[in-house]
Amino acid sequence: MKLRTKIFLTFSILAIIPLVLFTLFSYGRYSQVTYQRMDDISSHLMENAEYTANATLNSIQQTAGAFNFYYNDGSSIISDLKHFKNANSKPEVFDYYTLSQSFKKTCQNLLYSDESINGIYIFTPSGYIFESSTRENGTVNSEYDFQNKDWYQNTLSLDGAMYVSSNAVHDLFTGDRKSIFFSQCLKDIYSHEVVGVLVIDCKTDMLDLSSVNTMPDITLLTIDNTDTDDVLYTNYDELPSSFSKKRTNIMRTTLKISPLRLTVVVDYDSMFRELNVTGVMIIILCAVCIIGFIIIAYIISRYMVHPIEHLSRKMSTQKGHTLIQSTRYLDRTDEIGTLYNEYNAMVSSLNSAIKQDYQDKLIILDAQMKSLEARINSHFLFNTLEAINSMAELDDNEMIATMSLALGNMFRYTLKTQSELVTINDELGHVQDYVSIQQIRFDNRFQLIIDIPQELRTCKVLKLILQPLVENALYHGLNYCTAGDTISISGNSDGQYIYLNVHDNGQGMSPETVAQLEKSLGDEPSFTELGHRNKQSIGLKNIHSRIELYYGHGYGLTISSLPGQWTNIQIKVPVLKKEES
């Protein structure tokens, strides 16, 4: 079947059938759904409002309950408050300080876990006050006589139940912000004596139910205190004139903290007018038809173009040495299926050519390596260096002995092939062998400083990444050394990455040179002659490429310098412990 035929049939089916079905279904369900929906909406709104309000109050209760928690050793804030219940005996200053710190530590987590809480306070019968607040003007008035206040006496009379204040500016606290506070007696679980009164001061919007009121124009939500007749929250200070009084659904329920009551009033007349307009249904029907045709047109165009777009994206994102075939649309019998099958055949052919070229380059590189290895008889070289070292010791020539021993160690380290990864300590040993030779050569005119913590030295890094940087610093940074020159190697870790720094106090580099080096480090690695080095640096590009190829993108070298003063090269690698290798 041709693509044009498929498009025509698809458009006809998707345009006609949904329109007919929607029209029949709408008129069949319209009358019964309208009446059912009003009741469902009202009930659902009541449930959501009750759940939201109770969730907030439950959080307050949980916060209050945190102070009743006893630790395994039997201690708690309540047990410590027993020292502050008697006004005639003042506790030690240290006891007050200790309890204050323990109280603030407990409140810290509670305050930051609940943004609606302004502050938490404990008032003791002896007159001591412990407080922890998140706002500047949330402290207790210094001259406030709380023991003679109604809220304090009412809290005591409730015998463990929670007292709820009005939504107002309270003289208990400094400042002029409105708030709602909850208070509760704290009792010793053994003696049942009151050791303090807990006060949790909250923001005025803590009981805000606007998020659950999906119909604010026809719905009244109120939370009031049945004991004091205080209204803590309402979405209307005064009912609008459009709010009908003829037919309303009034729902009430007691919230989690018993003095508080939730009232939901739904204006059924206004809701019915919104749902029972025939003209609205006609508009909706027309809108659905229009939207339906738009959607159909979109689907059709997408259906036509999507396979081609997919293939285009597939071709544009192909990177690397291996091209990936597409498995989509291969079973189609139209022109799209033919296009995808031909594309996969082309990709297969290109992959074969790329693979052959890659293998040829590897063969050449392997041949170069074997040629180099054939030129170097490592055992002969090591034995010769050992002989030189022995002869130097017999002649008491310490410098020759040191240089031959260090050079032998360097060759052994370089030719070790057990693993690409070595410990940082091994790398530092290789660097020290190299430096010992150069210090003899340059008559100790420069100094090597190593500042790497012992715990990092057992971590694994890629082999031969430090010595070339020290060599680069010696020949380019220090410019063959003068008295007082230093090369330092430092390291640190943030737990995830290791940062190694090779720093010299030499001639530095200009910003242009640094930028040029950074650009060269960002170039993709390529096949070059074996042993090739950039004239501007000793192996910097080689080290960066090895690190990036081994660890992945984001690791490698970072260069910084100040002309005439210093140069620093930083290595970034992931943390690999010795046991992980």
Protein backbone atom coordinates (compact mmCIF):
# COMPACT_ATOMS: atom_id res chain seq x y z
CA MET A 1 0.00 0.00 0.00
CA LYS A 2 1.36 3.41 -1.01
CA LEU A 3 2.19 6.01 1.58
CA ARG A 4 -0.33 8.45 0.09
CA THR A 5 -3.14 5.88 0.52
CA LYS A 6 -2.17 5.23 4.12
CA ILE A 7 -2.28 8.96 4.89
CA PHE A 8 -5.73 9.37 3.35
CA LEU A 9 -7.27 6.39 5.18
CA THR A 10 -5.69 7.37 8.48
CA PHE A 11 -6.98 10.94 8.25
CA SER A 12 -10.52 9.75 7.45
CA ILE A 13 -10.65 7.26 10.36
CA LEU A 14 -9.12 9.59 12.93
CA ALA A 15 -11.33 12.56 11.95
CA ILE A 16 -14.77 10.95 11.58
CA ILE A 17 -14.94 8.16 14.16
CA PRO A 18 -13.84 10.19 17.23
CA LEU A 19 -16.23 13.02 16.33
CA VAL A 20 -19.23 10.68 16.08
CA LEU A 21 -18.37 8.78 19.23
CA PHE A 22 -17.76 11.94 21.25
CA THR A 23 -21.10 13.46 20.24
CA LEU A 24 -23.10 10.35 21.13
CA PHE A 25 -21.31 9.82 24.40
CA SER A 26 -21.60 13.48 25.51
CA TYR A 27 -25.39 13.64 25.09
CA GLY A 28 -25.85 10.25 26.73
CA ARG A 29 -23.82 11.04 29.85
CA TYR A 30 -24.53 14.74 30.21
CA SER A 31 -27.64 14.76 32.41
CA GLN A 32 -26.53 12.19 35.01
CA VAL A 33 -22.94 13.31 35.29
CA THR A 34 -23.90 16.91 36.08
CA TYR A 35 -25.71 16.01 39.29
CA GLN A 36 -23.26 13.38 40.41
CA ARG A 37 -20.33 15.66 39.87
CA MET A 38 -21.53 18.37 42.26
CA ASP A 39 -21.69 15.94 45.16
CA ASP A 40 -18.38 14.34 44.23
CA ILE A 41 -16.63 17.70 43.98
CA SER A 42 -17.94 18.85 47.34
CA SER A 43 -16.95 15.62 49.09
CA HIS A 44 -13.54 15.59 47.48
CA LEU A 45 -12.92 19.20 48.46
CA MET A 46 -13.89 18.46 52.04
CA GLU A 47 -11.58 15.44 52.16
CA ASN A 48 -8.64 17.37 50.70
CA ALA A 49 -9.14 20.32 53.03
CA GLU A 50 -9.44 18.06 56.08
CA TYR A 51 -6.37 16.05 55.05
CA THR A 52 -4.27 19.17 54.45
CA ALA A 53 -5.29 20.82 57.72
CA ASN A 54 -4.76 17.63 59.74
CA ALA A 55 -1.37 17.09 58.11
CA THR A 56 -0.28 20.53 59.33
CA LEU A 57 -1.65 19.94 62.82
CA ASN A 58 -0.12 16.48 62.92
CA SER A 59 3.25 18.06 62.20
CA ILE A 60 2.75 20.39 65.18
CA GLN A 61 1.85 17.43 67.40
CA GLN A 62 4.89 15.50 66.22
CA THR A 63 7.07 18.52 66.98
CA ALA A 64 5.61 18.69 70.48
CA GLY A 65 6.04 14.95 70.89
CA ALA A 66 9.75 15.19 70.14
CA PHE A 67 10.31 16.73 73.57
CA ASN A 68 8.76 13.68 75.27
CA PHE A 69 11.41 11.38 73.78
CA TYR A 70 13.69 9.60 76.22
CA TYR A 71 17.16 8.41 75.23
CA ASN A 72 18.58 4.98 76.04
CA ASP A 73 20.36 6.33 79.11
CA GLY A 74 17.07 7.63 80.49
CA SER A 75 17.85 11.29 79.85
CA SER A 76 15.65 13.75 78.01
CA ILE A 77 14.85 17.44 77.92
CA ILE A 78 11.88 16.78 80.21
CA SER A 79 14.06 14.96 82.74
CA ASP A 80 16.53 17.87 82.68
CA LEU A 81 13.69 20.36 83.20
CA LYS A 82 12.98 18.87 86.64
CA HIS A 83 15.88 21.00 87.94
CA PHE A 84 13.99 24.15 86.88
CA LYS A 85 10.52 23.44 88.31
CA ASN A 86 11.17 24.87 91.77
CA ALA A 87 11.36 28.65 91.95
CA ASN A 88 13.04 28.53 95.37
CA SER A 89 16.11 26.61 94.24
CA LYS A 90 18.07 28.00 91.33
CA PRO A 91 19.95 25.47 89.20
CA GLU A 92 23.61 25.74 88.41
CA VAL A 93 24.66 28.00 85.54
CA PHE A 94 26.27 25.00 83.84
CA ASP A 95 22.98 23.06 84.03
CA TYR A 96 21.15 25.97 82.40
CA TYR A 97 23.78 26.26 79.69
CA THR A 98 23.80 22.51 79.02
CA LEU A 99 20.01 22.30 78.78
CA SER A 100 19.92 25.42 76.54
CA GLN A 101 22.35 23.82 74.12
CA SER A 102 20.48 20.51 74.15
CA PHE A 103 17.19 22.35 73.59
CA LYS A 104 18.57 24.42 70.68
CA LYS A 105 20.08 21.30 69.10
CA THR A 106 16.72 19.53 69.27
CA CYS A 107 14.89 22.58 67.91
CA GLN A 108 17.34 23.13 65.09
CA ASN A 109 16.22 20.03 63.19
CA LEU A 110 12.57 20.69 63.99
CA LEU A 111 12.70 24.30 62.78
CA TYR A 112 14.41 23.50 59.53
CA SER A 113 12.12 20.55 58.81
CA ASP A 114 8.96 22.66 59.14
CA GLU A 115 9.07 26.12 57.53
CA SER A 116 5.77 27.12 59.10
CA ILE A 117 7.29 27.26 62.62
CA ASN A 118 8.68 30.63 63.73
CA GLY A 119 10.11 29.46 67.02
CA ILE A 120 9.93 26.95 69.87
CA TYR A 121 9.95 27.96 73.55
CA ILE A 122 9.77 26.31 76.98
CA PHE A 123 8.52 28.25 80.00
CA THR A 124 9.38 26.67 83.36
CA PRO A 125 7.39 27.11 86.61
CA SER A 126 10.50 28.70 88.16
CA GLY A 127 10.51 31.48 85.56
CA TYR A 128 13.27 30.25 83.25
CA ILE A 129 12.71 30.50 79.52
CA PHE A 130 14.39 28.40 76.81
CA GLU A 131 13.93 29.64 73.27
CA SER A 132 14.94 28.88 69.70
CA SER A 133 13.68 31.04 66.85
CA THR A 134 14.15 31.43 63.08
CA ARG A 135 13.25 35.13 62.90
CA GLU A 136 14.87 38.24 64.24
CA ASN A 137 11.89 39.51 66.24
CA GLY A 138 10.85 36.14 67.56
CA THR A 139 12.32 36.39 71.03
CA VAL A 140 10.25 36.56 74.20
CA ASN A 141 9.74 39.97 75.79
CA SER A 142 12.19 40.28 78.64
CA GLU A 143 9.63 41.78 81.05
CA TYR A 144 6.80 39.45 80.12
CA ASP A 145 5.07 37.89 83.13
CA PHE A 146 3.86 34.72 81.48
CA GLN A 147 2.79 32.93 84.67
CA ASN A 148 -0.14 35.29 85.17
CA LYS A 149 -1.34 35.23 81.58
CA ASP A 150 -4.57 33.52 80.55
CA TRP A 151 -2.97 31.35 77.88
CA TYR A 152 -0.49 29.98 80.41
CA GLN A 153 -3.13 29.18 82.98
CA ASN A 154 -5.43 27.71 80.32
CA THR A 155 -2.61 25.48 79.09
CA LEU A 156 -2.04 24.19 82.64
CA SER A 157 -5.74 23.55 83.07
CA LEU A 158 -5.91 21.45 79.89
CA ASP A 159 -3.67 18.87 81.61
CA GLY A 160 -1.67 17.79 78.56
CA ALA A 161 -4.10 18.81 75.84
CA MET A 162 -2.97 21.46 73.37
CA TYR A 163 -4.01 25.09 73.68
CA VAL A 164 -4.44 27.11 70.48
CA SER A 165 -4.07 30.88 70.42
CA SER A 166 -5.82 33.39 68.20
CA ASN A 167 -4.40 34.66 64.91
CA ALA A 168 -3.05 37.96 66.16
CA VAL A 169 -0.05 39.99 67.32
CA HIS A 170 0.87 38.53 70.73
CA ASP A 171 2.56 40.54 73.44
CA LEU A 172 4.43 37.38 74.35
CA PHE A 173 6.93 37.99 71.51
CA THR A 174 8.90 40.97 70.33
CA GLY A 175 7.99 42.55 67.02
CA ASP A 176 4.64 43.23 65.40
CA ARG A 177 4.05 40.09 63.34
CA LYS A 178 0.83 38.13 63.57
CA SER A 179 1.17 34.49 64.49
CA ILE A 180 -0.61 31.45 65.89
CA PHE A 181 1.00 29.57 68.75
CA PHE A 182 0.27 26.17 70.27
CA SER A 183 1.07 25.42 73.91
CA GLN A 184 1.16 22.19 75.87
CA CYS A 185 2.23 21.04 79.32
CA LEU A 186 5.42 19.02 79.60
CA LYS A 187 5.14 16.43 82.36
CA ASP A 188 7.58 14.08 84.03
CA ILE A 189 6.46 10.56 83.02
CA TYR A 190 7.28 9.21 86.48
CA SER A 191 5.92 11.87 88.84
CA HIS A 192 3.38 13.44 86.39
CA GLU A 193 4.53 16.83 87.59
CA VAL A 194 4.49 19.80 85.21
CA VAL A 195 8.10 20.71 84.46
CA GLY A 196 7.40 23.29 81.79
CA VAL A 197 5.04 24.63 79.15
CA LEU A 198 6.01 24.11 75.51
CA VAL A 199 5.08 26.91 73.06
CA ILE A 200 5.29 26.42 69.29
CA ASP A 201 4.89 29.74 67.47
CA CYS A 202 3.75 29.38 63.84
CA LYS A 203 3.21 31.59 60.81
CA THR A 204 -0.29 32.85 60.12
CA ASP A 205 -0.48 31.01 56.81
CA MET A 206 0.20 27.59 58.32
CA LEU A 207 -3.48 26.69 57.97
CA ASP A 208 -3.83 28.19 54.50
CA LEU A 209 -6.11 25.98 52.39
CA SER A 210 -6.03 28.00 49.18
CA SER A 211 -4.04 25.24 47.47
CA VAL A 212 -6.89 22.74 47.87
CA ASN A 213 -9.73 25.16 47.17
CA THR A 214 -10.23 24.61 43.46
CA MET A 215 -13.41 26.69 43.39
CA PRO A 216 -12.72 29.84 45.47
CA ASP A 217 -15.61 31.80 43.93
CA ILE A 218 -18.27 29.36 45.07
CA THR A 219 -16.64 27.78 48.13
CA LEU A 220 -16.10 29.10 51.66
CA LEU A 221 -13.42 27.42 53.82
CA THR A 222 -13.09 28.33 57.49
CA ILE A 223 -11.03 27.00 60.42
CA ASP A 224 -12.17 28.28 63.81
CA ASN A 225 -11.54 27.59 67.49
CA THR A 226 -14.76 26.34 69.05
CA ASP A 227 -13.55 27.19 72.56
CA THR A 228 -12.76 30.84 71.87
CA ASP A 229 -14.77 31.47 68.65
CA ASP A 230 -11.55 32.77 67.03
CA VAL A 231 -11.33 32.36 63.25
CA LEU A 232 -7.83 31.14 62.40
CA TYR A 233 -8.34 30.90 58.63
CA THR A 234 -10.97 31.90 56.08
CA ASN A 235 -10.74 32.52 52.36
CA TYR A 236 -13.39 35.24 52.68
CA ASP A 237 -13.44 37.96 55.31
CA GLU A 238 -16.86 38.85 53.92
CA LEU A 239 -18.99 36.71 51.58
CA PRO A 240 -19.34 38.15 48.06
CA SER A 241 -22.80 39.14 46.84
CA SER A 242 -22.74 36.41 44.21
CA PHE A 243 -22.61 33.78 46.94
CA SER A 244 -26.11 32.24 47.07
CA LYS A 245 -27.89 31.55 50.33
CA LYS A 246 -30.75 29.55 48.83
CA ARG A 247 -29.03 26.27 48.16
CA THR A 248 -25.74 25.52 49.88
CA ASN A 249 -23.99 22.41 51.10
CA ILE A 250 -22.51 22.95 54.58
CA MET A 251 -19.97 20.41 55.86
CA ARG A 252 -18.21 20.50 59.25
CA THR A 253 -15.64 18.30 60.93
CA THR A 254 -13.43 18.45 64.03
CA LEU A 255 -9.73 18.55 63.23
CA LYS A 256 -6.87 16.65 64.85
CA ILE A 257 -6.47 19.23 67.59
CA SER A 258 -9.97 19.12 69.05
CA PRO A 259 -10.77 22.82 69.62
CA LEU A 260 -10.27 23.44 65.90
CA ARG A 261 -13.14 22.90 63.46
CA LEU A 262 -13.17 22.91 59.67
CA THR A 263 -16.22 24.29 57.87
CA VAL A 264 -16.76 23.98 54.11
CA VAL A 265 -19.68 25.76 52.45
CA VAL A 266 -20.33 25.12 48.75
CA ASP A 267 -22.72 27.33 46.76
CA TYR A 268 -24.66 24.70 44.77
CA ASP A 269 -26.61 27.27 42.78
CA SER A 270 -23.44 28.85 41.37
CA MET A 271 -21.89 25.46 40.69
CA PHE A 272 -25.04 24.28 38.93
CA ARG A 273 -25.05 27.39 36.74
CA GLU A 274 -21.48 26.64 35.68
CA LEU A 275 -22.16 22.99 34.88
CA ASN A 276 -25.64 23.24 33.44
CA VAL A 277 -25.21 25.56 30.49
CA THR A 278 -26.14 23.94 27.18
CA GLY A 279 -24.33 26.59 25.24
CA VAL A 280 -21.14 25.70 27.05
CA MET A 281 -21.53 22.12 25.93
CA ILE A 282 -21.96 23.26 22.33
CA ILE A 283 -18.83 25.37 22.58
CA ILE A 284 -16.99 22.51 24.14
CA LEU A 285 -18.17 20.19 21.39
CA CYS A 286 -17.04 22.62 18.71
CA ALA A 287 -13.73 23.19 20.48
CA VAL A 288 -13.18 19.47 20.74
CA CYS A 289 -13.88 19.10 17.03
CA ILE A 290 -11.41 21.84 16.17
CA ILE A 291 -8.79 20.48 18.56
CA GLY A 292 -9.47 17.03 17.20
CA PHE A 293 -8.75 18.10 13.63
CA ILE A 294 -5.62 19.96 14.75
CA ILE A 295 -4.41 16.89 16.59
CA ILE A 296 -5.22 14.70 13.62
CA ALA A 297 -3.32 17.00 11.27
CA TYR A 298 -0.38 16.99 13.66
CA ILE A 299 -0.42 13.24 13.95
CA ILE A 300 -0.56 12.82 10.20
CA SER A 301 2.32 15.19 9.55
CA ARG A 302 4.31 13.62 12.36
CA TYR A 303 3.57 10.17 10.98
CA MET A 304 4.87 11.23 7.58
CA VAL A 305 7.95 13.10 8.70
CA HIS A 306 8.96 11.30 11.88
CA PRO A 307 10.78 8.35 10.21
CA ILE A 308 12.81 10.73 8.09
CA GLU A 309 13.58 12.98 11.10
CA HIS A 310 14.65 9.95 13.08
CA LEU A 311 17.03 8.86 10.33
CA SER A 312 18.42 12.41 10.03
CA ARG A 313 19.09 12.59 13.77
CA LYS A 314 20.67 9.16 13.62
CA MET A 315 23.06 10.23 10.88
CA SER A 316 23.94 13.62 12.49
CA THR A 317 24.80 12.07 15.87
CA GLN A 318 27.15 9.41 14.50
CA LYS A 319 30.55 9.92 16.11
CA GLY A 320 33.60 7.84 16.84
CA HIS A 321 35.05 4.87 15.05
CA THR A 322 31.90 2.75 15.01
CA LEU A 323 28.68 3.77 13.25
CA ILE A 324 25.42 2.43 14.73
CA GLN A 325 22.65 0.96 12.62
CA SER A 326 18.98 1.74 13.16
CA THR A 327 16.58 -1.05 14.08
CA ARG A 328 13.40 0.98 13.53
CA TYR A 329 11.06 0.78 10.54
CA LEU A 330 12.91 -2.21 9.04
CA ASP A 331 9.70 -4.24 8.80
CA ARG A 332 7.87 -1.61 6.77
CA THR A 333 7.18 -2.45 3.13
CA ASP A 334 6.86 1.12 1.86
CA GLU A 335 9.52 3.64 0.85
CA ILE A 336 10.46 4.30 4.50
CA GLY A 337 11.36 0.65 5.03
CA THR A 338 13.45 0.63 1.88
CA LEU A 339 15.29 3.79 2.99
CA TYR A 340 16.15 2.34 6.42
CA ASN A 341 17.37 -0.96 4.99
CA GLU A 342 19.63 0.84 2.50
CA TYR A 343 20.97 3.07 5.30
CA ASN A 344 21.86 0.03 7.43
CA ALA A 345 23.63 -1.56 4.46
CA MET A 346 25.66 1.62 3.97
CA VAL A 347 26.55 1.79 7.69
CA SER A 348 27.66 -1.84 7.64
CA SER A 349 29.95 -1.14 4.68
CA LEU A 350 31.43 1.97 6.34
CA ASN A 351 32.02 0.10 9.61
CA SER A 352 33.97 -2.55 7.75
CA ALA A 353 36.16 0.10 6.09
CA ILE A 354 36.71 1.97 9.39
CA LYS A 355 37.56 -1.27 11.19
CA GLN A 356 40.09 -2.21 8.54
CA ASP A 357 41.75 1.22 8.67
CA TYR A 358 41.86 1.12 12.49
CA GLN A 359 43.44 -2.35 12.44
CA ASP A 360 46.04 -1.17 9.93
CA LYS A 361 47.05 1.72 12.24
CA LEU A 362 47.29 -0.62 15.22
CA ILE A 363 49.48 -3.00 13.24
CA ILE A 364 51.84 -0.13 12.33
CA LEU A 365 51.96 1.06 15.96
CA ASP A 366 52.60 -2.46 17.19
CA ALA A 367 55.40 -2.83 14.70
CA GLN A 368 56.96 0.39 15.95
CA MET A 369 56.78 -0.81 19.53
CA LYS A 370 58.33 -4.17 18.68
CA SER A 371 61.09 -2.39 16.77
CA LEU A 372 61.86 -0.24 19.78
CA GLU A 373 61.82 -3.22 22.13
CA ALA A 374 64.17 -5.09 19.83
CA ARG A 375 66.69 -2.27 20.08
CA ILE A 376 66.75 -2.33 23.86
CA ASN A 377 68.06 -5.36 25.70
CA SER A 378 66.70 -4.48 29.12
CA HIS A 379 68.68 -7.19 30.98
CA PHE A 380 71.89 -6.06 29.32
CA LEU A 381 71.13 -2.43 30.26
CA PHE A 382 70.30 -3.29 33.89
CA ASN A 383 73.42 -5.48 34.28
CA THR A 384 75.61 -2.76 32.78
CA LEU A 385 74.19 -0.13 35.18
CA GLU A 386 74.73 -2.50 38.12
CA ALA A 387 78.35 -2.98 37.04
CA ILE A 388 78.86 0.79 36.78
CA ASN A 389 77.34 1.20 40.24
CA SER A 390 79.63 -1.47 41.71
CA MET A 391 82.70 0.09 40.12
CA ALA A 392 81.68 3.53 41.43
CA GLU A 393 81.31 2.17 44.97
CA LEU A 394 84.74 0.48 44.76
CA ASP A 395 86.25 3.79 43.66
CA ASP A 396 84.21 5.62 46.30
CA ASN A 397 82.51 7.78 43.67
CA GLU A 398 79.18 8.49 45.30
CA MET A 399 77.75 10.64 42.48
CA ILE A 400 78.28 7.99 39.79
CA ALA A 401 76.85 5.33 42.10
CA THR A 402 73.81 7.45 42.86
CA MET A 403 73.16 8.32 39.22
CA SER A 404 73.57 4.78 37.95
CA LEU A 405 71.35 3.37 40.70
CA ALA A 406 68.66 5.99 40.09
CA LEU A 407 68.84 5.51 36.31
CA GLY A 408 68.50 1.74 36.76
CA ASN A 409 65.47 2.21 38.99
CA MET A 410 63.91 4.52 36.41
CA PHE A 411 64.36 2.01 33.61
CA ARG A 412 62.91 -0.80 35.72
CA TYR A 413 59.90 1.33 36.65
CA THR A 414 59.34 2.46 33.06
CA LEU A 415 59.44 -1.06 31.62
CA LYS A 416 57.20 -2.67 34.27
CA THR A 417 54.10 -3.97 32.49
CA GLN A 418 52.09 -5.66 35.26
CA SER A 419 49.48 -2.89 35.32
CA GLU A 420 48.77 0.56 33.93
CA LEU A 421 47.91 1.68 37.48
CA VAL A 422 50.47 2.26 40.23
CA THR A 423 50.29 3.84 43.67
CA ILE A 424 51.06 7.53 44.09
CA ASN A 425 53.94 6.42 46.33
CA ASP A 426 55.46 4.46 43.42
CA GLU A 427 55.12 7.50 41.15
CA LEU A 428 56.82 9.67 43.76
CA GLY A 429 59.70 7.14 43.97
CA HIS A 430 60.14 7.37 40.21
CA VAL A 431 60.17 11.19 40.44
CA GLN A 432 62.76 11.11 43.27
CA ASP A 433 65.04 8.86 41.20
CA TYR A 434 64.82 11.35 38.34
CA VAL A 435 65.39 14.36 40.61
CA SER A 436 68.41 12.73 42.30
CA ILE A 437 70.09 12.49 38.88
CA GLN A 438 69.20 16.08 37.96
CA GLN A 439 70.33 17.47 41.31
CA ILE A 440 73.77 15.98 40.72
CA ARG A 441 73.74 17.33 37.20
CA PHE A 442 72.75 20.86 38.31
CA ASP A 443 74.82 20.84 41.51
CA ASN A 444 71.77 20.94 43.82
CA ARG A 445 70.66 24.37 42.56
CA PHE A 446 67.00 23.38 42.85
CA GLN A 447 64.95 21.65 45.54
CA LEU A 448 62.07 19.15 45.31
CA ILE A 449 59.29 19.54 47.92
CA ILE A 450 56.67 16.80 48.30
CA ASP A 451 53.50 17.53 50.27
CA ILE A 452 51.09 14.64 49.78
CA PRO A 453 49.21 13.10 52.76
CA GLN A 454 50.08 9.52 53.61
CA GLU A 455 46.47 8.37 53.15
CA LEU A 456 46.59 9.47 49.49
CA ARG A 457 49.85 7.73 48.70
CA THR A 458 48.18 4.30 48.58
CA CYS A 459 45.67 5.46 45.98
CA LYS A 460 46.13 4.26 42.41
CA VAL A 461 46.87 6.55 39.48
CA LEU A 462 47.91 6.06 35.88
CA LYS A 463 51.58 5.25 35.50
CA LEU A 464 54.19 7.85 34.39
CA ILE A 465 52.15 11.05 34.82
CA LEU A 466 54.25 12.91 37.43
CA GLN A 467 57.85 12.60 36.22
CA PRO A 468 57.22 14.21 32.79
CA LEU A 469 55.60 17.18 34.55
CA VAL A 470 58.62 17.56 36.86
CA GLU A 471 60.88 17.32 33.81
CA ASN A 472 58.79 19.97 32.06
CA ALA A 473 59.03 22.25 35.11
CA LEU A 474 62.83 21.76 35.27
CA TYR A 475 63.63 22.48 31.62
CA HIS A 476 60.96 25.05 30.79
CA GLY A 477 59.89 26.58 34.10
CA LEU A 478 63.25 26.82 35.90
CA ASN A 479 65.21 27.24 32.67
CA TYR A 480 68.04 24.96 33.79
CA CYS A 481 67.99 26.15 37.37
CA THR A 482 69.44 28.89 39.48
CA ALA A 483 70.07 28.85 43.22
CA GLY A 484 66.85 28.86 45.24
CA ASP A 485 64.61 27.30 42.58
CA THR A 486 61.98 24.87 43.83
CA ILE A 487 59.68 22.31 42.37
CA SER A 488 56.83 21.18 44.62
CA ILE A 489 54.43 18.27 44.32
CA SER A 490 51.28 18.54 46.42
CA GLY A 491 48.05 16.61 46.54
CA ASN A 492 44.60 16.64 48.06
CA SER A 493 41.27 14.88 47.69
CA ASP A 494 37.58 15.68 48.22
CA GLY A 495 36.69 12.00 48.59
CA GLN A 496 35.68 11.60 44.95
CA TYR A 497 38.58 13.11 43.04
CA ILE A 498 42.34 13.37 43.56
CA TYR A 499 44.10 16.64 42.65
CA LEU A 500 47.91 16.49 42.13
CA ASN A 501 49.79 19.76 41.58
CA VAL A 502 53.29 20.20 40.12
CA HIS A 503 54.40 23.77 40.92
CA ASP A 504 57.61 25.64 40.07
CA ASN A 505 58.78 29.15 40.91
CA GLY A 506 60.37 29.67 37.51
CA GLN A 507 59.83 32.07 34.67
CA GLY A 508 56.15 31.28 34.17
CA MET A 509 54.20 31.64 30.94
CA SER A 510 52.24 34.37 29.23
CA PRO A 511 48.43 34.14 29.07
CA GLU A 512 48.72 33.55 25.33
CA THR A 513 51.04 30.56 25.84
CA VAL A 514 48.74 29.10 28.53
CA ALA A 515 45.74 29.51 26.24
CA GLN A 516 47.61 27.80 23.41
CA LEU A 517 48.56 24.87 25.64
CA GLU A 518 45.00 24.55 26.97
CA LYS A 519 43.73 24.50 23.39
CA SER A 520 46.19 21.76 22.43
CA LEU A 521 45.06 19.68 25.43
CA GLY A 522 41.48 19.93 24.20
CA ASP A 523 42.33 18.55 20.74
CA GLU A 524 41.29 14.98 20.00
CA PRO A 525 44.13 12.40 20.39
CA SER A 526 45.56 11.20 17.07
CA PHE A 527 48.13 8.75 15.79
CA THR A 528 51.62 10.29 15.77
CA GLU A 529 55.14 9.07 15.44
CA LEU A 530 56.27 7.00 18.42
CA GLY A 531 58.07 9.19 20.95
CA HIS A 532 56.87 12.48 19.41
CA ARG A 533 56.94 15.48 21.78
CA ASN A 534 55.72 18.99 21.43
CA LYS A 535 58.57 21.46 21.46
CA GLN A 536 56.72 23.74 23.87
CA SER A 537 56.21 21.14 26.58
CA ILE A 538 57.46 17.70 27.59
CA GLY A 539 54.67 15.24 27.10
CA LEU A 540 51.80 17.45 28.38
CA LYS A 541 49.50 16.47 25.52
CA ASN A 542 50.52 12.82 25.85
CA ILE A 543 49.76 12.75 29.59
CA HIS A 544 46.43 14.54 29.17
CA SER A 545 45.36 12.19 26.36
CA ARG A 546 46.34 9.07 28.34
CA ILE A 547 44.39 10.25 31.39
CA GLU A 548 41.32 11.20 29.35
CA LEU A 549 41.36 7.95 27.36
CA TYR A 550 41.75 5.84 30.52
CA TYR A 551 39.40 7.62 32.95
CA GLY A 552 37.04 9.38 30.56
CA HIS A 553 36.15 12.96 29.66
CA GLY A 554 36.46 15.50 32.48
CA TYR A 555 39.80 14.22 33.80
CA GLY A 556 43.32 15.37 32.86
CA LEU A 557 45.54 18.45 33.13
CA THR A 558 44.79 22.07 33.97
CA ILE A 559 47.50 24.72 33.43
CA SER A 560 47.84 28.03 35.28
CA SER A 561 50.77 30.44 35.35
CA LEU A 562 51.92 33.92 36.33
CA PRO A 563 54.61 35.34 34.03
CA GLY A 564 57.96 35.67 35.75
CA GLN A 565 56.77 34.04 39.00
CA TRP A 566 55.33 30.52 38.79
CA THR A 567 53.65 27.77 36.79
CA ASN A 568 51.24 25.15 38.16
CA ILE A 569 49.97 22.05 36.39
CA GLN A 570 47.10 20.20 38.10
CA ILE A 571 46.15 16.57 37.48
CA LYS A 572 42.55 15.51 38.17
CA VAL A 573 41.81 11.76 38.48
CA PRO A 574 39.17 9.75 40.36
CA VAL A 575 39.92 8.18 43.74
CA LEU A 576 41.01 4.55 43.35
CA LYS A 577 42.15 2.74 46.49
CA LYS A 578 44.81 0.08 46.31
CA GLU A 579 42.35 -2.74 46.87
CA GLU A 580 40.13 -1.55 43.98
CA SER A 581 42.72 -2.17 41.28
